[in-house]
PDB file of N, CA and C in Angstrom:
ATOM      1  N   MET A   1      40.009  27.355 -31.511  1.00  0.00           N
ATOM      2  CA  MET A   1      40.611  28.489 -30.322  1.00  0.00           C
ATOM      3  C   MET A   1      39.823  27.388 -28.677  1.00  0.00           C
ATOM      4  N   LEU A   2      39.066  26.147 -28.619  1.00  0.00           N
ATOM      5  CA  LEU A   2      37.919  26.084 -28.192  1.00  0.00           C
ATOM      6  C   LEU A   2      38.534  24.988 -27.344  1.00  0.00           C
ATOM      7  N   GLY A   3      39.939  24.473 -27.486  1.00  0.00           N
ATOM      8  CA  GLY A   3      41.250  23.434 -27.791  1.00  0.00           C
ATOM      9  C   GLY A   3      41.700  24.089 -25.570  1.00  0.00           C
ATOM     10  N   LEU A   4      41.650  25.263 -25.962  1.00  0.00           N
ATOM     11  CA  LEU A   4      41.901  26.692 -24.930  1.00  0.00           C
ATOM     12  C   LEU A   4      41.490  26.168 -23.935  1.00  0.00           C
ATOM     13  N   THR A   5      39.843  26.043 -23.865  1.00  0.00           N
ATOM     14  CA  THR A   5      39.526  26.117 -22.541  1.00  0.00           C
ATOM     15  C   THR A   5      38.643  24.794 -22.731  1.00  0.00           C
ATOM     16  N   LEU A   6      38.888  23.710 -23.462  1.00  0.00           N
ATOM     17  CA  LEU A   6      38.764  22.303 -22.905  1.00  0.00           C
ATOM     18  C   LEU A   6      40.155  21.912 -22.307  1.00  0.00           C
ATOM     19  N   ALA A   7      41.387  22.948 -22.579  1.00  0.00           N
ATOM     20  CA  ALA A   7      42.737  21.527 -21.797  1.00  0.00           C
ATOM     21  C   ALA A   7      42.328  21.360 -20.182  1.00  0.00           C
ATOM     22  N   PRO A   8      42.395  22.521 -19.197  1.00  0.00           N
ATOM     23  CA  PRO A   8      42.341  22.181 -18.212  1.00  0.00           C
ATOM     24  C   PRO A   8      41.507  20.461 -18.061  1.00  0.00           C
ATOM     25  N   LEU A   9      39.969  20.250 -18.732  1.00  0.00           N
ATOM     26  CA  LEU A   9      39.249  19.495 -18.231  1.00  0.00           C
ATOM     27  C   LEU A   9      39.743  18.126 -18.784  1.00  0.00           C
ATOM     28  N   GLY A  10      41.106  18.053 -19.507  1.00  0.00           N
ATOM     29  CA  GLY A  10      41.614  17.410 -20.749  1.00  0.00           C
ATOM     30  C   GLY A  10      43.008  16.793 -19.887  1.00  0.00           C
ATOM     31  N   VAL A  11      43.791  17.538 -18.790  1.00  0.00           N
ATOM     32  CA  VAL A  11      44.625  17.431 -18.280  1.00  0.00           C
ATOM     33  C   VAL A  11      44.209  16.864 -16.724  1.00  0.00           C
ATOM     34  N   GLU A  12      41.799  16.892 -16.395  1.00  0.00           N
ATOM     35  CA  GLU A  12      41.953  16.285 -14.614  1.00  0.00           C
ATOM     36  C   GLU A  12      41.668  15.164 -15.740  1.00  0.00           C
ATOM     37  N   VAL A  13      41.483  14.972 -16.702  1.00  0.00           N
ATOM     38  CA  VAL A  13      40.926  13.499 -16.906  1.00  0.00           C
ATOM     39  C   VAL A  13      41.926  12.779 -17.256  1.00  0.00           C
ATOM     40  N   LEU A  14      43.704  13.007 -17.772  1.00  0.00           N
ATOM     41  CA  LEU A  14      44.289  11.993 -18.225  1.00  0.00           C
ATOM     42  C   LEU A  14      44.907  12.199 -16.311  1.00  0.00           C
ATOM     43  N   LEU A  15      44.857  13.132 -15.399  1.00  0.00           N
ATOM     44  CA  LEU A  15      45.737  12.820 -14.253  1.00  0.00           C
ATOM     45  C   LEU A  15      44.714  11.360 -13.459  1.00  0.00           C
ATOM     46  N   ALA A  16      43.208  11.577 -13.785  1.00  0.00           N
ATOM     47  CA  ALA A  16      42.048  10.923 -13.855  1.00  0.00           C
ATOM     48  C   ALA A  16      42.582   8.991 -13.746  1.00  0.00           C
ATOM     49  N   THR A  17      43.064   9.723 -15.057  1.00  0.00           N
ATOM     50  CA  THR A  17      43.171   8.143 -15.689  1.00  0.00           C
ATOM     51  C   THR A  17      44.100   6.835 -14.752  1.00  0.00           C
ATOM     52  N   PHE A  18      44.994   8.327 -14.303  1.00  0.00           N
ATOM     53  CA  PHE A  18      46.175   7.764 -14.780  1.00  0.00           C
ATOM     54  C   PHE A  18      46.988   7.336 -12.674  1.00  0.00           C
ATOM     55  N   GLY A  19      45.020   7.561 -12.441  1.00  0.00           N
ATOM     56  CA  GLY A  19      45.457   8.015 -10.415  1.00  0.00           C
ATOM     57  C   GLY A  19      45.552   8.788  -9.441  1.00  0.00           C
ATOM     58  N   TRP A  20      46.756   9.932 -10.264  1.00  0.00           N
ATOM     59  CA  TRP A  20      47.307  11.200  -9.874  1.00  0.00           C
ATOM     60  C   TRP A  20      45.772  11.975  -8.898  1.00  0.00           C
ATOM     61  N   ALA A  21      46.744  12.984  -8.070  1.00  0.00           N
ATOM     62  CA  ALA A  21      45.130  13.999  -7.731  1.00  0.00           C
ATOM     63  C   ALA A  21      43.807  12.939  -8.489  1.00  0.00           C
ATOM     64  N   GLU A  22      43.510  12.626  -6.814  1.00  0.00           N
ATOM     65  CA  GLU A  22      42.120  12.556  -7.904  1.00  0.00           C
ATOM     66  C   GLU A  22      41.271  12.861  -6.948  1.00  0.00           C
ATOM     67  N   HIS A  23      41.615  13.632  -5.323  1.00  0.00           N
ATOM     68  CA  HIS A  23      40.604  14.490  -5.122  1.00  0.00           C
ATOM     69  C   HIS A  23      41.550  15.610  -4.778  1.00  0.00           C
ATOM     70  N   VAL A  24      41.720  16.279  -5.881  1.00  0.00           N
ATOM     71  CA  VAL A  24      42.237  18.052  -6.496  1.00  0.00           C
ATOM     72  C   VAL A  24      41.697  18.169  -7.375  1.00  0.00           C
ATOM     73  N   PRO A  25      41.355  19.104  -7.152  1.00  0.00           N
ATOM     74  CA  PRO A  25      40.653  20.023  -7.829  1.00  0.00           C
ATOM     75  C   PRO A  25      41.117  20.362  -9.177  1.00  0.00           C
ATOM     76  N   ILE A  26      41.548  19.298  -9.552  1.00  0.00           N
ATOM     77  CA  ILE A  26      42.760  20.279 -11.044  1.00  0.00           C
ATOM     78  C   ILE A  26      41.953  21.369 -11.568  1.00  0.00           C
ATOM     79  N   ASN A  27      40.457  20.413 -13.052  1.00  0.00           N
ATOM     80  CA  ASN A  27      39.695  21.794 -13.744  1.00  0.00           C
ATOM     81  C   ASN A  27      39.686  23.000 -13.086  1.00  0.00           C
ATOM     82  N   LEU A  28      39.386  23.055 -12.137  1.00  0.00           N
ATOM     83  CA  LEU A  28      39.087  24.382 -10.847  1.00  0.00           C
ATOM     84  C   LEU A  28      40.726  25.156 -10.763  1.00  0.00           C
ATOM     85  N   LEU A  29      41.737  25.006 -10.590  1.00  0.00           N
ATOM     86  CA  LEU A  29      42.233  25.162 -10.284  1.00  0.00           C
ATOM     87  C   LEU A  29      43.059  25.461 -11.957  1.00  0.00           C
ATOM     88  N   LEU A  30      43.312  24.843 -12.701  1.00  0.00           N
ATOM     89  CA  LEU A  30      43.427  25.167 -14.110  1.00  0.00           C
ATOM     90  C   LEU A  30      43.429  26.585 -14.989  1.00  0.00           C
ATOM     91  N   SER A  31      41.556  25.940 -14.461  1.00  0.00           N
ATOM     92  CA  SER A  31      40.534  27.065 -15.221  1.00  0.00           C
ATOM     93  C   SER A  31      40.934  28.962 -13.865  1.00  0.00           C
ATOM     94  N   LEU A  32      40.914  28.828 -12.665  1.00  0.00           N
ATOM     95  CA  LEU A  32      41.214  29.682 -11.839  1.00  0.00           C
ATOM     96  C   LEU A  32      42.095  30.403 -12.889  1.00  0.00           C
ATOM     97  N   ALA A  33      43.958  29.447 -13.134  1.00  0.00           N
ATOM     98  CA  ALA A  33      44.438  29.962 -14.166  1.00  0.00           C
ATOM     99  C   ALA A  33      44.253  30.279 -15.080  1.00  0.00           C
ATOM    100  N   GLU A  34      43.945  30.059 -16.085  1.00  0.00           N
ATOM    101  CA  GLU A  34      43.376  30.462 -16.791  1.00  0.00           C
ATOM    102  C   GLU A  34      42.836  31.530 -17.844  1.00  0.00           C
ATOM    103  N   CYS A  35      41.550  31.667 -16.231  1.00  0.00           N
ATOM    104  CA  CYS A  35      41.045  33.397 -15.874  1.00  0.00           C
ATOM    105  C   CYS A  35      41.175  34.508 -16.144  1.00  0.00           C
ATOM    106  N   ALA A  36      42.949  33.462 -14.854  1.00  0.00           N
ATOM    107  CA  ALA A  36      43.467  34.855 -14.977  1.00  0.00           C
ATOM    108  C   ALA A  36      44.525  35.113 -15.746  1.00  0.00           C
ATOM    109  N   ALA A  37      44.349  34.149 -17.261  1.00  0.00           N
ATOM    110  CA  ALA A  37      45.586  34.122 -18.523  1.00  0.00           C
ATOM    111  C   ALA A  37      45.043  35.277 -18.208  1.00  0.00           C
ATOM    112  N   VAL A  38      43.858  34.821 -19.220  1.00  0.00           N
ATOM    113  CA  VAL A  38      43.397  35.391 -20.048  1.00  0.00           C
ATOM    114  C   VAL A  38      42.386  37.253 -19.812  1.00  0.00           C
ATOM    115  N   VAL A  39      42.772  37.830 -18.402  1.00  0.00           N
ATOM    116  CA  VAL A  39      42.896  38.664 -18.265  1.00  0.00           C
ATOM    117  C   VAL A  39      43.574  40.202 -18.110  1.00  0.00           C
ATOM    118  N   VAL A  40      45.069  38.762 -17.491  1.00  0.00           N
ATOM    119  CA  VAL A  40      46.100  39.667 -18.109  1.00  0.00           C
ATOM    120  C   VAL A  40      46.084  40.745 -19.317  1.00  0.00           C
ATOM    121  N   PHE A  41      45.878  39.009 -20.838  1.00  0.00           N
ATOM    122  CA  PHE A  41      45.979  38.944 -21.509  1.00  0.00           C
ATOM    123  C   PHE A  41      45.003  40.507 -22.973  1.00  0.00           C
ATOM    124  N   TYR A  42      43.611  40.209 -22.408  1.00  0.00           N
ATOM    125  CA  TYR A  42      42.563  41.264 -22.757  1.00  0.00           C
ATOM    126  C   TYR A  42      43.530  42.546 -21.884  1.00  0.00           C
ATOM    127  N   ARG A  43      43.885  42.629 -20.450  1.00  0.00           N
ATOM    128  CA  ARG A  43      44.498  44.168 -20.441  1.00  0.00           C
ATOM    129  C   ARG A  43      45.742  44.970 -21.424  1.00  0.00           C
ATOM    130  N   LEU A  44      47.054  43.906 -21.497  1.00  0.00           N
ATOM    131  CA  LEU A  44      48.374  43.894 -22.454  1.00  0.00           C
ATOM    132  C   LEU A  44      46.777  44.686 -23.586  1.00  0.00           C
ATOM    133  N   ALA A  45      46.069  44.191 -24.476  1.00  0.00           N
ATOM    134  CA  ALA A  45      45.914  44.265 -25.598  1.00  0.00           C
ATOM    135  C   ALA A  45      44.808  44.970 -26.240  1.00  0.00           C
ATOM    136  N   LEU A  46      43.772  45.465 -24.570  1.00  0.00           N
ATOM    137  CA  LEU A  46      43.566  46.722 -24.092  1.00  0.00           C
ATOM    138  C   LEU A  46      43.593  47.768 -24.704  1.00  0.00           C
ATOM    139  N   THR A  47      45.717  47.818 -24.497  1.00  0.00           N
ATOM    140  CA  THR A  47      45.856  49.435 -23.922  1.00  0.00           C
ATOM    141  C   THR A  47      46.870  49.646 -25.200  1.00  0.00           C
ATOM    142  N   TRP A  48      47.609  47.973 -26.252  1.00  0.00           N
ATOM    143  CA  TRP A  48      47.975  48.200 -27.068  1.00  0.00           C
ATOM    144  C   TRP A  48      47.104  48.119 -27.916  1.00  0.00           C
ATOM    145  N   GLU A  49      45.032  48.855 -28.252  1.00  0.00           N
ATOM    146  CA  GLU A  49      44.816  48.923 -29.163  1.00  0.00           C
ATOM    147  C   GLU A  49      44.108  50.091 -28.699  1.00  0.00           C
ATOM    148  N   GLY A  50      44.579  50.611 -27.256  1.00  0.00           N
ATOM    149  CA  GLY A  50      44.324  52.298 -26.943  1.00  0.00           C
ATOM    150  C   GLY A  50      45.226  53.056 -28.064  1.00  0.00           C
ATOM    151  N   ASP A  51      46.606  52.298 -27.488  1.00  0.00           N
ATOM    152  CA  ASP A  51      47.455  53.614 -28.368  1.00  0.00           C
ATOM    153  C   ASP A  51      48.057  53.429 -29.368  1.00  0.00           C
ATOM    154  N   LEU A  52      47.304  52.014 -30.591  1.00  0.00           N
ATOM    155  CA  LEU A  52      46.794  52.648 -31.249  1.00  0.00           C
ATOM    156  C   LEU A  52      45.566  52.560 -32.749  1.00  0.00           C
ATOM    157  N   LEU A  53      44.995  53.202 -31.602  1.00  0.00           N
ATOM    158  CA  LEU A  53      43.669  53.640 -32.060  1.00  0.00           C
ATOM    159  C   LEU A  53      43.873  55.151 -31.473  1.00  0.00           C
ATOM    160  N   GLN A  54      44.763  55.645 -30.844  1.00  0.00           N
ATOM    161  CA  GLN A  54      44.741  57.355 -29.860  1.00  0.00           C
ATOM    162  C   GLN A  54      45.626  57.635 -31.186  1.00  0.00           C
ATOM    163  N   ALA A  55      47.262  56.671 -30.857  1.00  0.00           N
ATOM    164  CA  ALA A  55      47.431  57.431 -32.975  1.00  0.00           C
ATOM    165  C   ALA A  55      47.153  57.590 -34.319  1.00  0.00           C
ATOM    166  N   ARG A  56      46.724  57.314 -33.882  1.00  0.00           N
ATOM    167  CA  ARG A  56      45.573  57.270 -35.566  1.00  0.00           C
ATOM    168  C   ARG A  56      44.274  58.295 -35.674  1.00  0.00           C
ATOM    169  N   GLU A  57      44.463  58.208 -34.271  1.00  0.00           N
ATOM    170  CA  GLU A  57      43.332  59.539 -34.265  1.00  0.00           C
ATOM    171  C   GLU A  57      43.686  61.172 -34.384  1.00  0.00           C
ATOM    172  N   GLN A  58      45.357  60.735 -34.087  1.00  0.00           N
ATOM    173  CA  GLN A  58      46.305  62.646 -33.771  1.00  0.00           C
ATOM    174  C   GLN A  58      46.518  62.439 -35.918  1.00  0.00           C
ATOM    175  N   ARG A  59      46.281  61.127 -36.064  1.00  0.00           N
ATOM    176  CA  ARG A  59      46.794  61.604 -37.880  1.00  0.00           C
ATOM    177  C   ARG A  59      45.559  62.526 -38.893  1.00  0.00           C
ATOM    178  N   ILE A  60      44.329  61.587 -37.984  1.00  0.00           N
ATOM    179  CA  ILE A  60      43.989  62.019 -38.449  1.00  0.00           C
ATOM    180  C   ILE A  60      42.832  63.426 -38.345  1.00  0.00           C
ATOM    181  N   LEU A  61      43.523  63.969 -37.221  1.00  0.00           N
ATOM    182  CA  LEU A  61      43.273  65.192 -36.842  1.00  0.00           C
ATOM    183  C   LEU A  61      44.545  66.646 -37.597  1.00  0.00           C
ATOM    184  N   GLU A  62      45.760  65.974 -37.260  1.00  0.00           N
ATOM    185  CA  GLU A  62      46.228  67.182 -37.859  1.00  0.00           C
ATOM    186  C   GLU A  62      45.841  67.285 -39.713  1.00  0.00           C
ATOM    187  N   THR A  63      45.342  65.878 -39.973  1.00  0.00           N
ATOM    188  CA  THR A  63      45.389  65.804 -41.317  1.00  0.00           C
ATOM    189  C   THR A  63      44.038  66.986 -42.291  1.00  0.00           C
ATOM    190  N   VAL A  64      42.889  66.517 -41.442  1.00  0.00           N
ATOM    191  CA  VAL A  64      42.223  67.423 -41.357  1.00  0.00           C
ATOM    192  C   VAL A  64      42.136  68.194 -41.246  1.00  0.00           C
ATOM    193  N   ALA A  65      43.185  68.790 -39.930  1.00  0.00           N
ATOM    194  CA  ALA A  65      43.349  70.376 -39.660  1.00  0.00           C
ATOM    195  C   ALA A  65      43.955  70.935 -40.629  1.00  0.00           C
ATOM    196  N   THR A  66      44.948  70.636 -41.520  1.00  0.00           N
ATOM    197  CA  THR A  66      45.779  71.042 -42.907  1.00  0.00           C
ATOM    198  C   THR A  66      45.149  71.249 -43.223  1.00  0.00           C
ATOM    199  N   LYS A  67      43.694  70.836 -44.099  1.00  0.00           N
ATOM    200  CA  LYS A  67      42.571  71.081 -45.619  1.00  0.00           C
ATOM    201  C   LYS A  67      42.203  71.501 -44.540  1.00  0.00           C
ATOM    202  N   ALA A  68      41.360  71.572 -43.298  1.00  0.00           N
ATOM    203  CA  ALA A  68      40.872  73.311 -42.966  1.00  0.00           C
ATOM    204  C   ALA A  68      41.453  74.151 -43.115  1.00  0.00           C
ATOM    205  N   GLU A  69      42.545  74.159 -43.720  1.00  0.00           N
ATOM    206  CA  GLU A  69      43.099  75.474 -43.192  1.00  0.00           C
ATOM    207  C   GLU A  69      43.249  76.257 -44.941  1.00  0.00           C
TER     208      GLU A  69
END
């Protein structure tokens, strides 16, 4: 997982090695894009996990309610 966070730095070093985009902050731009992707993924995962937990809660509530009667 750490390799994904170091990918923007690796791209910048690679581009600097070949002399391309020396005055462009590639690491910063790719890190911001990576941060945005993480936020989007987190929101999707949080929604999905919340739906799963709500469904599980409803199943538990139905089980408890039927045993109480």
